[in-house]
Amino acid sequence: MRVHATFRVKDGLDVPCMLIAYYFYDDEDSTPLKTDEPKYRTKTVPYILTLIFTPAYDPAIYKDLQLFMPYSAPKHGKR
């Protein structure tokens, strides 16, 4: 799965930044998707994908910054 993001960073020249995607089920409670795979979770966030980037301009305009999550990434459903 590929996530496409369009955004602008102001006052971020040469400052490391992070784009974060959280994953939820499309259910009544917006239940978070969970995994046991450490690469795709933190202690407090059950399913996450991150991308670190450093803007080279101020402001920096990103028209299609992409995050990629392989479909084969381990998923363990609702808990």
PDB file of N, CA and C in Angstrom:
ATOM      1  N   MET A   1       0.841  -1.157   0.000  1.00  0.00           N
ATOM      2  CA  MET A   1       0.000   0.000   0.000  1.00  0.00           C
ATOM      3  C   MET A   1       0.895   1.231   0.000  1.00  0.00           C
ATOM      4  N   ARG A   2       0.559   2.175  -0.831  1.00  0.00           N
ATOM      5  CA  ARG A   2       1.335   3.405  -0.922  1.00  0.00           C
ATOM      6  C   ARG A   2       0.459   4.576  -0.458  1.00  0.00           C
ATOM      7  N   VAL A   3       0.979   5.373   0.458  1.00  0.00           N
ATOM      8  CA  VAL A   3       0.297   6.565   0.959  1.00  0.00           C
ATOM      9  C   VAL A   3       0.955   7.771   0.312  1.00  0.00           C
ATOM     10  N   HIS A   4       0.153   8.636  -0.314  1.00  0.00           N
ATOM     11  CA  HIS A   4       0.655   9.838  -0.971  1.00  0.00           C
ATOM     12  C   HIS A   4       0.281  11.045  -0.116  1.00  0.00           C
ATOM     13  N   ALA A   5       1.245  11.919   0.158  1.00  0.00           N
ATOM     14  CA  ALA A   5       0.991  13.101   0.984  1.00  0.00           C
ATOM     15  C   ALA A   5       1.395  14.366   0.238  1.00  0.00           C
ATOM     16  N   THR A   6       0.548  15.388   0.356  1.00  0.00           N
ATOM     17  CA  THR A   6       0.827  16.700  -0.203  1.00  0.00           C
ATOM     18  C   THR A   6       0.770  17.697   0.947  1.00  0.00           C
ATOM     19  N   PHE A   7       1.853  18.454   1.152  1.00  0.00           N
ATOM     20  CA  PHE A   7       1.894  19.398   2.268  1.00  0.00           C
ATOM     21  C   PHE A   7       3.033  20.397   2.081  1.00  0.00           C
ATOM     22  N   ARG A   8       3.076  21.401   2.952  1.00  0.00           N
ATOM     23  CA  ARG A   8       4.101  22.446   2.934  1.00  0.00           C
ATOM     24  C   ARG A   8       4.734  22.516   4.327  1.00  0.00           C
ATOM     25  N   VAL A   9       6.056  22.677   4.366  1.00  0.00           N
ATOM     26  CA  VAL A   9       6.779  22.852   5.627  1.00  0.00           C
ATOM     27  C   VAL A   9       7.365  24.262   5.635  1.00  0.00           C
ATOM     28  N   LYS A  10       6.970  25.068   6.636  1.00  0.00           N
ATOM     29  CA  LYS A  10       7.505  26.417   6.788  1.00  0.00           C
ATOM     30  C   LYS A  10       8.522  26.422   7.922  1.00  0.00           C
ATOM     31  N   ASP A  11       9.583  27.198   7.755  1.00  0.00           N
ATOM     32  CA  ASP A  11      10.639  27.340   8.772  1.00  0.00           C
ATOM     33  C   ASP A  11      11.286  26.001   9.109  1.00  0.00           C
ATOM     34  N   GLY A  12      11.427  25.122   8.120  1.00  0.00           N
ATOM     35  CA  GLY A  12      11.995  23.805   8.363  1.00  0.00           C
ATOM     36  C   GLY A  12      13.279  23.531   7.599  1.00  0.00           C
ATOM     37  N   LEU A  13      13.914  24.569   7.074  1.00  0.00           N
ATOM     38  CA  LEU A  13      15.132  24.385   6.290  1.00  0.00           C
ATOM     39  C   LEU A  13      16.183  23.620   7.081  1.00  0.00           C
ATOM     40  N   ASP A  14      16.647  22.503   6.536  1.00  0.00           N
ATOM     41  CA  ASP A  14      17.681  21.653   7.135  1.00  0.00           C
ATOM     42  C   ASP A  14      17.300  21.076   8.503  1.00  0.00           C
ATOM     43  N   VAL A  15      16.008  21.020   8.795  1.00  0.00           N
ATOM     44  CA  VAL A  15      15.531  20.451  10.065  1.00  0.00           C
ATOM     45  C   VAL A  15      14.937  19.072   9.771  1.00  0.00           C
ATOM     46  N   PRO A  16      15.469  18.001  10.385  1.00  0.00           N
ATOM     47  CA  PRO A  16      14.881  16.681  10.158  1.00  0.00           C
ATOM     48  C   PRO A  16      13.411  16.663  10.588  1.00  0.00           C
ATOM     49  N   CYS A  17      12.552  16.128   9.714  1.00  0.00           N
ATOM     50  CA  CYS A  17      11.117  16.046   9.960  1.00  0.00           C
ATOM     51  C   CYS A  17      10.668  14.600   9.774  1.00  0.00           C
ATOM     52  N   MET A  18       9.459  14.308  10.235  1.00  0.00           N
ATOM     53  CA  MET A  18       8.937  12.957  10.102  1.00  0.00           C
ATOM     54  C   MET A  18       7.491  13.001   9.623  1.00  0.00           C
ATOM     55  N   LEU A  19       7.201  12.228   8.582  1.00  0.00           N
ATOM     56  CA  LEU A  19       5.846  12.016   8.107  1.00  0.00           C
ATOM     57  C   LEU A  19       5.379  10.704   8.725  1.00  0.00           C
ATOM     58  N   ILE A  20       4.199  10.721   9.323  1.00  0.00           N
ATOM     59  CA  ILE A  20       3.698   9.550  10.047  1.00  0.00           C
ATOM     60  C   ILE A  20       2.317   9.170   9.525  1.00  0.00           C
ATOM     61  N   ALA A  21       2.104   7.876   9.291  1.00  0.00           N
ATOM     62  CA  ALA A  21       0.778   7.359   8.919  1.00  0.00           C
ATOM     63  C   ALA A  21       0.338   6.368   9.991  1.00  0.00           C
ATOM     64  N   TYR A  22      -0.864   6.560  10.491  1.00  0.00           N
ATOM     65  CA  TYR A  22      -1.477   5.643  11.446  1.00  0.00           C
ATOM     66  C   TYR A  22      -2.541   4.854  10.695  1.00  0.00           C
ATOM     67  N   TYR A  23      -2.757   3.613  11.055  1.00  0.00           N
ATOM     68  CA  TYR A  23      -3.697   2.745  10.344  1.00  0.00           C
ATOM     69  C   TYR A  23      -4.852   2.350  11.260  1.00  0.00           C
ATOM     70  N   PHE A  24      -6.082   2.512  10.730  1.00  0.00           N
ATOM     71  CA  PHE A  24      -7.292   2.190  11.473  1.00  0.00           C
ATOM     72  C   PHE A  24      -8.251   1.418  10.559  1.00  0.00           C
ATOM     73  N   TYR A  25      -9.080   0.588  11.173  1.00  0.00           N
ATOM     74  CA  TYR A  25     -10.149  -0.071  10.435  1.00  0.00           C
ATOM     75  C   TYR A  25     -11.234   0.951  10.151  1.00  0.00           C
ATOM     76  N   ASP A  26     -11.959   0.759   9.063  1.00  0.00           N
ATOM     77  CA  ASP A  26     -13.081   1.623   8.712  1.00  0.00           C
ATOM     78  C   ASP A  26     -14.340   1.034   9.353  1.00  0.00           C
ATOM     79  N   ASP A  27     -14.347   1.009  10.677  1.00  0.00           N
ATOM     80  CA  ASP A  27     -15.497   0.487  11.407  1.00  0.00           C
ATOM     81  C   ASP A  27     -16.094   1.599  12.269  1.00  0.00           C
ATOM     82  N   GLU A  28     -17.127   1.274  12.988  1.00  0.00           N
ATOM     83  CA  GLU A  28     -17.840   2.259  13.798  1.00  0.00           C
ATOM     84  C   GLU A  28     -16.947   2.923  14.839  1.00  0.00           C
ATOM     85  N   ASP A  29     -15.966   2.186  15.371  1.00  0.00           N
ATOM     86  CA  ASP A  29     -15.100   2.713  16.429  1.00  0.00           C
ATOM     87  C   ASP A  29     -13.738   3.188  15.928  1.00  0.00           C
ATOM     88  N   SER A  30     -13.500   3.116  14.619  1.00  0.00           N
ATOM     89  CA  SER A  30     -12.170   3.438  14.065  1.00  0.00           C
ATOM     90  C   SER A  30     -11.086   2.691  14.845  1.00  0.00           C
ATOM     91  N   THR A  31     -11.246   1.396  14.954  1.00  0.00           N
ATOM     92  CA  THR A  31     -10.332   0.534  15.699  1.00  0.00           C
ATOM     93  C   THR A  31      -8.947   0.546  15.061  1.00  0.00           C
ATOM     94  N   PRO A  32      -7.898   0.778  15.868  1.00  0.00           N
ATOM     95  CA  PRO A  32      -6.537   0.761  15.307  1.00  0.00           C
ATOM     96  C   PRO A  32      -6.152  -0.632  14.816  1.00  0.00           C
ATOM     97  N   LEU A  33      -5.506  -0.691  13.671  1.00  0.00           N
ATOM     98  CA  LEU A  33      -4.925  -1.934  13.178  1.00  0.00           C
ATOM     99  C   LEU A  33      -3.710  -2.221  14.054  1.00  0.00           C
ATOM    100  N   LYS A  34      -3.489  -3.475  14.399  1.00  0.00           N
ATOM    101  CA  LYS A  34      -2.387  -3.827  15.298  1.00  0.00           C
ATOM    102  C   LYS A  34      -1.468  -4.858  14.665  1.00  0.00           C
ATOM    103  N   THR A  35      -0.207  -4.850  15.116  1.00  0.00           N
ATOM    104  CA  THR A  35       0.782  -5.817  14.651  1.00  0.00           C
ATOM    105  C   THR A  35       1.763  -6.117  15.775  1.00  0.00           C
ATOM    106  N   ASP A  36       2.396  -7.264  15.695  1.00  0.00           N
ATOM    107  CA  ASP A  36       3.468  -7.612  16.632  1.00  0.00           C
ATOM    108  C   ASP A  36       4.832  -7.311  16.030  1.00  0.00           C
ATOM    109  N   GLU A  37       4.867  -6.861  14.781  1.00  0.00           N
ATOM    110  CA  GLU A  37       6.121  -6.571  14.083  1.00  0.00           C
ATOM    111  C   GLU A  37       6.682  -5.232  14.574  1.00  0.00           C
ATOM    112  N   PRO A  38       7.825  -5.230  15.284  1.00  0.00           N
ATOM    113  CA  PRO A  38       8.395  -3.997  15.843  1.00  0.00           C
ATOM    114  C   PRO A  38       8.666  -2.904  14.811  1.00  0.00           C
ATOM    115  N   LYS A  39       8.953  -3.284  13.581  1.00  0.00           N
ATOM    116  CA  LYS A  39       9.249  -2.294  12.539  1.00  0.00           C
ATOM    117  C   LYS A  39       8.050  -1.387  12.261  1.00  0.00           C
ATOM    118  N   TYR A  40       6.839  -1.858  12.542  1.00  0.00           N
ATOM    119  CA  TYR A  40       5.631  -1.121  12.213  1.00  0.00           C
ATOM    120  C   TYR A  40       4.795  -0.740  13.429  1.00  0.00           C
ATOM    121  N   ARG A  41       5.420  -0.591  14.592  1.00  0.00           N
ATOM    122  CA  ARG A  41       4.675  -0.166  15.781  1.00  0.00           C
ATOM    123  C   ARG A  41       5.617   0.504  16.768  1.00  0.00           C
ATOM    124  N   THR A  42       5.027   1.167  17.746  1.00  0.00           N
ATOM    125  CA  THR A  42       5.774   1.726  18.873  1.00  0.00           C
ATOM    126  C   THR A  42       5.121   1.202  20.143  1.00  0.00           C
ATOM    127  N   LYS A  43       5.617   1.617  21.297  1.00  0.00           N
ATOM    128  CA  LYS A  43       5.011   1.168  22.559  1.00  0.00           C
ATOM    129  C   LYS A  43       3.583   1.668  22.712  1.00  0.00           C
ATOM    130  N   THR A  44       3.300   2.836  22.155  1.00  0.00           N
ATOM    131  CA  THR A  44       1.971   3.425  22.330  1.00  0.00           C
ATOM    132  C   THR A  44       1.120   3.420  21.064  1.00  0.00           C
ATOM    133  N   VAL A  45       1.728   3.195  19.908  1.00  0.00           N
ATOM    134  CA  VAL A  45       0.986   3.205  18.641  1.00  0.00           C
ATOM    135  C   VAL A  45       1.018   1.802  18.053  1.00  0.00           C
ATOM    136  N   PRO A  46      -0.175   1.185  17.851  1.00  0.00           N
ATOM    137  CA  PRO A  46      -0.218  -0.217  17.428  1.00  0.00           C
ATOM    138  C   PRO A  46       0.192  -0.489  15.987  1.00  0.00           C
ATOM    139  N   TYR A  47       0.029   0.456  15.068  1.00  0.00           N
ATOM    140  CA  TYR A  47       0.411   0.213  13.674  1.00  0.00           C
ATOM    141  C   TYR A  47       0.758   1.562  13.065  1.00  0.00           C
ATOM    142  N   ILE A  48       1.996   1.709  12.620  1.00  0.00           N
ATOM    143  CA  ILE A  48       2.495   3.009  12.205  1.00  0.00           C
ATOM    144  C   ILE A  48       3.509   2.848  11.078  1.00  0.00           C
ATOM    145  N   LEU A  49       3.590   3.847  10.237  1.00  0.00           N
ATOM    146  CA  LEU A  49       4.592   3.890   9.181  1.00  0.00           C
ATOM    147  C   LEU A  49       5.177   5.290   9.200  1.00  0.00           C
ATOM    148  N   THR A  50       6.502   5.398   9.152  1.00  0.00           N
ATOM    149  CA  THR A  50       7.149   6.704   9.231  1.00  0.00           C
ATOM    150  C   THR A  50       8.149   6.894   8.102  1.00  0.00           C
ATOM    151  N   LEU A  51       8.395   8.153   7.789  1.00  0.00           N
ATOM    152  CA  LEU A  51       9.399   8.521   6.803  1.00  0.00           C
ATOM    153  C   LEU A  51      10.088   9.778   7.302  1.00  0.00           C
ATOM    154  N   ILE A  52      11.397   9.725   7.464  1.00  0.00           N
ATOM    155  CA  ILE A  52      12.168  10.889   7.895  1.00  0.00           C
ATOM    156  C   ILE A  52      12.682  11.609   6.652  1.00  0.00           C
ATOM    157  N   PHE A  53      12.532  12.929   6.642  1.00  0.00           N
ATOM    158  CA  PHE A  53      12.990  13.742   5.519  1.00  0.00           C
ATOM    159  C   PHE A  53      13.497  15.077   6.061  1.00  0.00           C
ATOM    160  N   THR A  54      14.344  15.751   5.299  1.00  0.00           N
ATOM    161  CA  THR A  54      14.892  17.043   5.690  1.00  0.00           C
ATOM    162  C   THR A  54      14.648  18.045   4.562  1.00  0.00           C
ATOM    163  N   PRO A  55      13.809  19.053   4.803  1.00  0.00           N
ATOM    164  CA  PRO A  55      13.536  20.045   3.772  1.00  0.00           C
ATOM    165  C   PRO A  55      14.804  20.788   3.337  1.00  0.00           C
ATOM    166  N   ALA A  56      14.946  20.961   2.033  1.00  0.00           N
ATOM    167  CA  ALA A  56      16.097  21.671   1.470  1.00  0.00           C
ATOM    168  C   ALA A  56      15.744  23.104   1.080  1.00  0.00           C
ATOM    169  N   TYR A  57      14.489  23.496   1.289  1.00  0.00           N
ATOM    170  CA  TYR A  57      14.020  24.837   0.944  1.00  0.00           C
ATOM    171  C   TYR A  57      13.141  25.364   2.063  1.00  0.00           C
ATOM    172  N   ASP A  58      12.896  26.667   2.068  1.00  0.00           N
ATOM    173  CA  ASP A  58      11.980  27.261   3.030  1.00  0.00           C
ATOM    174  C   ASP A  58      11.135  28.314   2.316  1.00  0.00           C
ATOM    175  N   PRO A  59       9.859  28.087   2.156  1.00  0.00           N
ATOM    176  CA  PRO A  59       9.144  26.875   2.557  1.00  0.00           C
ATOM    177  C   PRO A  59       9.420  25.723   1.588  1.00  0.00           C
ATOM    178  N   ALA A  60       9.225  24.517   2.061  1.00  0.00           N
ATOM    179  CA  ALA A  60       9.384  23.316   1.232  1.00  0.00           C
ATOM    180  C   ALA A  60       7.987  22.803   0.890  1.00  0.00           C
ATOM    181  N   ILE A  61       7.745  22.599  -0.390  1.00  0.00           N
ATOM    182  CA  ILE A  61       6.439  22.124  -0.842  1.00  0.00           C
ATOM    183  C   ILE A  61       6.601  20.694  -1.357  1.00  0.00           C
ATOM    184  N   TYR A  62       5.851  19.796  -0.763  1.00  0.00           N
ATOM    185  CA  TYR A  62       5.874  18.389  -1.166  1.00  0.00           C
ATOM    186  C   TYR A  62       4.544  18.087  -1.839  1.00  0.00           C
ATOM    187  N   LYS A  63       4.591  17.753  -3.121  1.00  0.00           N
ATOM    188  CA  LYS A  63       3.368  17.475  -3.875  1.00  0.00           C
ATOM    189  C   LYS A  63       3.021  15.995  -3.911  1.00  0.00           C
ATOM    190  N   ASP A  64       3.984  15.115  -3.598  1.00  0.00           N
ATOM    191  CA  ASP A  64       3.699  13.678  -3.626  1.00  0.00           C
ATOM    192  C   ASP A  64       4.779  12.913  -2.861  1.00  0.00           C
ATOM    193  N   LEU A  65       4.912  13.202  -1.570  1.00  0.00           N
ATOM    194  CA  LEU A  65       5.841  12.429  -0.741  1.00  0.00           C
ATOM    195  C   LEU A  65       5.133  11.112  -0.414  1.00  0.00           C
ATOM    196  N   GLN A  66       5.840   9.987  -0.570  1.00  0.00           N
ATOM    197  CA  GLN A  66       5.183   8.687  -0.473  1.00  0.00           C
ATOM    198  C   GLN A  66       5.742   7.827   0.658  1.00  0.00           C
ATOM    199  N   LEU A  67       4.829   7.158   1.321  1.00  0.00           N
ATOM    200  CA  LEU A  67       5.151   6.118   2.306  1.00  0.00           C
ATOM    201  C   LEU A  67       4.709   4.794   1.697  1.00  0.00           C
ATOM    202  N   PHE A  68       5.465   3.734   1.940  1.00  0.00           N
ATOM    203  CA  PHE A  68       5.107   2.438   1.374  1.00  0.00           C
ATOM    204  C   PHE A  68       5.031   1.386   2.469  1.00  0.00           C
ATOM    205  N   MET A  69       3.913   0.674   2.486  1.00  0.00           N
ATOM    206  CA  MET A  69       3.707  -0.449   3.408  1.00  0.00           C
ATOM    207  C   MET A  69       3.442  -1.676   2.553  1.00  0.00           C
ATOM    208  N   PRO A  70       4.340  -2.679   2.599  1.00  0.00           N
ATOM    209  CA  PRO A  70       4.098  -3.881   1.794  1.00  0.00           C
ATOM    210  C   PRO A  70       2.858  -4.627   2.296  1.00  0.00           C
ATOM    211  N   TYR A  71       2.081  -5.155   1.371  1.00  0.00           N
ATOM    212  CA  TYR A  71       0.900  -5.938   1.757  1.00  0.00           C
ATOM    213  C   TYR A  71       1.301  -7.145   2.597  1.00  0.00           C
ATOM    214  N   SER A  72       2.528  -7.586   2.441  1.00  0.00           N
ATOM    215  CA  SER A  72       2.991  -8.745   3.200  1.00  0.00           C
ATOM    216  C   SER A  72       3.383  -8.396   4.628  1.00  0.00           C
ATOM    217  N   ALA A  73       3.338  -7.125   5.007  1.00  0.00           N
ATOM    218  CA  ALA A  73       3.678  -6.736   6.383  1.00  0.00           C
ATOM    219  C   ALA A  73       2.739  -7.451   7.346  1.00  0.00           C
ATOM    220  N   PRO A  74       3.273  -7.999   8.412  1.00  0.00           N
ATOM    221  CA  PRO A  74       2.448  -8.782   9.341  1.00  0.00           C
ATOM    222  C   PRO A  74       1.325  -7.956   9.967  1.00  0.00           C
ATOM    223  N   LYS A  75       0.139  -8.488   9.923  1.00  0.00           N
ATOM    224  CA  LYS A  75      -1.008  -7.849  10.551  1.00  0.00           C
ATOM    225  C   LYS A  75      -1.678  -8.882  11.453  1.00  0.00           C
ATOM    226  N   HIS A  76      -2.179  -8.430  12.555  1.00  0.00           N
ATOM    227  CA  HIS A  76      -2.806  -9.372  13.486  1.00  0.00           C
ATOM    228  C   HIS A  76      -4.202  -8.949  13.884  1.00  0.00           C
ATOM    229  N   GLY A  77      -4.839  -8.130  13.065  1.00  0.00           N
ATOM    230  CA  GLY A  77      -6.249  -7.811  13.269  1.00  0.00           C
ATOM    231  C   GLY A  77      -6.544  -7.043  14.531  1.00  0.00           C
ATOM    232  N   LYS A  78      -7.815  -7.028  14.891  1.00  0.00           N
ATOM    233  CA  LYS A  78      -8.285  -6.282  16.057  1.00  0.00           C
ATOM    234  C   LYS A  78      -7.926  -7.034  17.323  1.00  0.00           C
ATOM    235  N   ARG A  79      -7.569  -6.247  18.340  1.00  0.00           N
ATOM    236  CA  ARG A  79      -7.266  -6.853  19.653  1.00  0.00           C
ATOM    237  C   ARG A  79      -7.980  -6.109  20.728  1.00  0.00           C
TER     238      ARG A  79
END
